[in-house]
Protein backbone atom coordinates (compact mmCIF):
# COMPACT_ATOMS: atom_id res chain seq x y z
CA MET A 1 131.75 93.90 108.93
CA GLU A 2 131.34 97.50 107.65
CA THR A 3 129.32 100.41 109.05
CA PRO A 4 129.28 103.06 106.37
CA GLN A 5 128.27 106.85 107.17
CA GLY A 6 124.50 107.07 107.44
CA VAL A 7 124.04 103.28 108.55
CA THR A 8 123.23 102.52 112.20
CA THR A 9 123.92 98.78 111.97
CA PRO A 10 127.26 96.98 110.47
CA ILE A 11 126.75 95.27 107.17
CA SER A 12 127.18 91.66 107.40
CA GLU A 13 125.89 90.22 104.26
CA TRP A 14 126.48 91.22 100.76
CA HIS A 15 124.56 89.78 97.68
CA THR A 16 125.49 89.54 94.15
CA SER A 17 123.53 88.54 91.25
CA SER A 18 122.93 84.84 90.15
CA ARG A 19 123.88 85.62 86.64
CA CYS A 20 127.59 87.03 88.17
CA THR A 21 130.08 84.81 87.07
CA GLY A 22 133.44 86.61 86.33
CA GLY A 23 133.50 88.17 89.78
CA GLU A 24 133.43 91.89 88.35
CA CYS A 25 129.80 92.62 89.68
CA VAL A 26 127.70 95.08 91.80
CA GLU A 27 127.18 93.85 95.54
CA VAL A 28 124.03 94.94 97.22
CA ALA A 29 123.35 95.05 101.05
CA PHE A 30 119.93 95.63 102.49
CA THR A 31 120.47 97.86 105.66
CA GLY A 32 117.02 97.97 107.15
CA GLY A 33 116.81 101.76 106.45
CA GLY A 34 117.93 101.23 102.86
CA VAL A 35 120.21 99.69 100.29
CA ALA A 36 124.12 99.52 100.07
CA VAL A 37 125.69 99.17 96.84
CA ARG A 38 129.51 98.46 96.10
CA ASP A 39 131.79 97.15 93.53
CA SER A 40 132.87 93.91 94.07
CA LYS A 41 136.56 94.14 92.19
CA ASN A 42 137.11 97.27 94.16
CA ARG A 43 135.50 97.34 97.60
CA GLU A 44 137.68 99.84 98.97
CA GLN A 45 136.05 102.79 96.59
CA GLY A 46 133.31 102.73 98.96
CA ILE A 47 129.70 102.27 99.40
CA LEU A 48 126.83 104.29 97.83
CA LEU A 49 123.56 104.39 99.74
CA TYR A 50 119.98 104.60 98.17
CA SER A 51 116.81 104.95 99.98
CA THR A 52 114.63 101.56 99.61
CA ASP A 53 111.88 103.75 97.57
CA ALA A 54 114.91 104.92 95.38
CA TRP A 55 116.26 101.31 94.68
CA ARG A 56 113.08 99.91 94.19
CA ASP A 57 112.42 102.32 91.34
CA PHE A 58 115.56 101.48 89.94
CA VAL A 59 115.01 97.57 89.86
CA ALA A 60 111.47 98.30 87.98
CA ASP A 61 113.28 100.61 85.70
CA VAL A 62 115.90 97.85 84.78
CA LYS A 63 113.23 95.26 84.49
CA THR A 64 111.87 97.52 81.93
CA GLY A 65 115.13 98.14 80.06
CA ARG A 66 115.02 101.61 80.73
CA HIS A 67 118.74 101.74 81.45
CA ASP A 68 119.69 99.08 78.61
CA LEU A 69 122.36 100.81 77.15
CA ARG A 70 121.94 98.66 73.68
CA LYS A 71 118.81 100.52 72.95
C-alpha cells in the first residue's frame, strides 16, 4: 500500500477504466479526501492528487468532449 504526501490513509485499491485493454492506462484511487491518479505503465513516476471537486469537474468535461484532441 502507498501513502502519498497529503493523503492520511494508505491507498489500497486502484481502479482502471473498463475500456483499458493494453495495460497502458491511468489508474485512479479514491482517498476519502480526494482522488489519486497514476500511470499504470510507470507507477514509480509518482502520484497526482486532485480534490474531489476538481476530479468531478474533469470527468464532466471529458464526458462533454472538452478534452478531446480529435476536435
